[in-house]
Amino acid sequence: MPRAAMFEVWAWVLIYGGLASVVLGLFVQRGGGERSGWLLVGLGSLLVPAGVLLIYLRSRLPAPPAKLPAPKSPGVSAGNANKDL
């Protein structure tokens, strides 16, 4: 997997995982687990900015080299299709 693709995958995993952790932590806090709720909220609030940082770093990577177009086959082209008729 190319480096840029890995940046994108990890960025979104961190962002969505962090948001899920924050939401889960808020639910745990309301259920009575004060410390574990704050731990999940704190962990999530660290993961989200890390994912945003990866998106920024991905935007600063050099663009991959452009692929050359495939050579055209010497078959019938649209302009020559009706010449023999």
Protein backbone atom coordinates (compact mmCIF):
# COMPACT_ATOMS: atom_id res chain seq x y z
CA MET A 1 0.00 0.00 0.00
CA PRO A 2 1.47 3.39 -0.93
CA ARG A 3 2.57 5.74 1.80
CA ALA A 4 -0.11 8.33 1.04
CA ALA A 5 -2.83 5.70 1.27
CA MET A 6 -1.55 4.58 4.66
CA PHE A 7 -1.69 8.18 5.88
CA GLU A 8 -5.32 8.40 4.79
CA VAL A 9 -6.32 5.10 6.38
CA TRP A 10 -4.68 5.90 9.70
CA ALA A 11 -6.01 9.45 9.73
CA TRP A 12 -9.62 8.33 9.44
CA VAL A 13 -9.16 5.45 11.87
CA LEU A 14 -7.80 7.88 14.44
CA ILE A 15 -10.51 10.48 13.84
CA TYR A 16 -13.47 8.11 13.95
CA GLY A 17 -11.95 6.02 16.74
CA GLY A 18 -11.32 9.16 18.77
CA LEU A 19 -14.86 10.44 18.27
CA ALA A 20 -16.29 7.05 19.23
CA SER A 21 -14.09 7.02 22.32
CA VAL A 22 -15.32 10.47 23.38
CA VAL A 23 -18.96 9.48 22.95
CA LEU A 24 -18.43 6.19 24.80
CA GLY A 25 -16.63 8.04 27.59
CA LEU A 26 -19.54 10.45 27.99
CA PHE A 27 -21.98 7.56 28.25
CA VAL A 28 -19.77 5.78 30.78
CA GLN A 29 -19.57 8.95 32.89
CA ARG A 30 -23.34 9.22 33.02
CA GLY A 31 -23.54 5.59 34.08
CA GLY A 32 -21.37 6.15 37.13
CA GLY A 33 -17.91 5.25 35.88
CA GLU A 34 -16.35 8.66 36.49
CA ARG A 35 -12.67 7.75 36.09
CA SER A 36 -13.02 5.36 33.18
CA GLY A 37 -15.33 7.84 31.43
CA TRP A 38 -12.77 10.63 31.72
CA LEU A 39 -10.05 8.25 30.57
CA LEU A 40 -12.00 7.45 27.40
CA VAL A 41 -12.80 11.12 26.77
CA GLY A 42 -9.14 12.06 27.27
CA LEU A 43 -7.94 9.29 24.97
CA GLY A 44 -10.44 10.27 22.29
CA SER A 45 -9.53 13.93 22.54
CA LEU A 46 -5.91 12.98 21.83
CA LEU A 47 -6.72 10.67 18.91
CA VAL A 48 -8.85 13.15 16.95
CA PRO A 49 -6.13 15.84 16.66
CA ALA A 50 -3.61 13.13 15.77
CA GLY A 51 -5.85 12.12 12.85
CA VAL A 52 -6.21 15.74 11.77
CA LEU A 53 -2.43 16.09 11.90
CA LEU A 54 -2.08 13.07 9.62
CA ILE A 55 -4.46 14.66 7.11
CA TYR A 56 -2.32 17.80 7.16
CA LEU A 57 0.87 15.77 6.71
CA ARG A 58 -0.74 13.85 3.83
CA SER A 59 -1.52 17.13 2.10
CA ARG A 60 2.17 18.06 2.26
CA LEU A 61 3.45 14.84 0.66
CA PRO A 62 4.68 15.20 -2.92
CA ALA A 63 2.22 14.06 -5.54
CA PRO A 64 2.86 10.60 -6.97
CA PRO A 65 4.22 10.54 -10.52
CA ALA A 66 1.52 10.59 -13.17
CA LYS A 67 0.94 7.39 -15.08
CA LEU A 68 1.45 7.51 -18.82
CA PRO A 69 -1.69 6.91 -20.90
CA ALA A 70 -1.98 3.50 -22.51
CA PRO A 71 -1.01 3.44 -26.19
CA LYS A 72 -3.94 3.39 -28.58
CA SER A 73 -4.43 0.31 -30.68
CA PRO A 74 -4.26 0.76 -34.47
CA GLY A 75 -7.83 -0.51 -34.84
CA VAL A 76 -10.80 1.29 -36.31
CA SER A 77 -11.28 4.78 -35.01
CA ALA A 78 -14.59 6.64 -34.89
CA GLY A 79 -13.60 8.88 -37.81
CA ASN A 80 -12.68 5.97 -40.11
CA ALA A 81 -15.58 3.65 -39.29
CA ASN A 82 -17.74 4.47 -42.34
CA LYS A 83 -15.07 5.18 -44.98
CA ASP A 84 -15.28 1.79 -46.66
CA LEU A 85 -19.07 1.78 -46.89
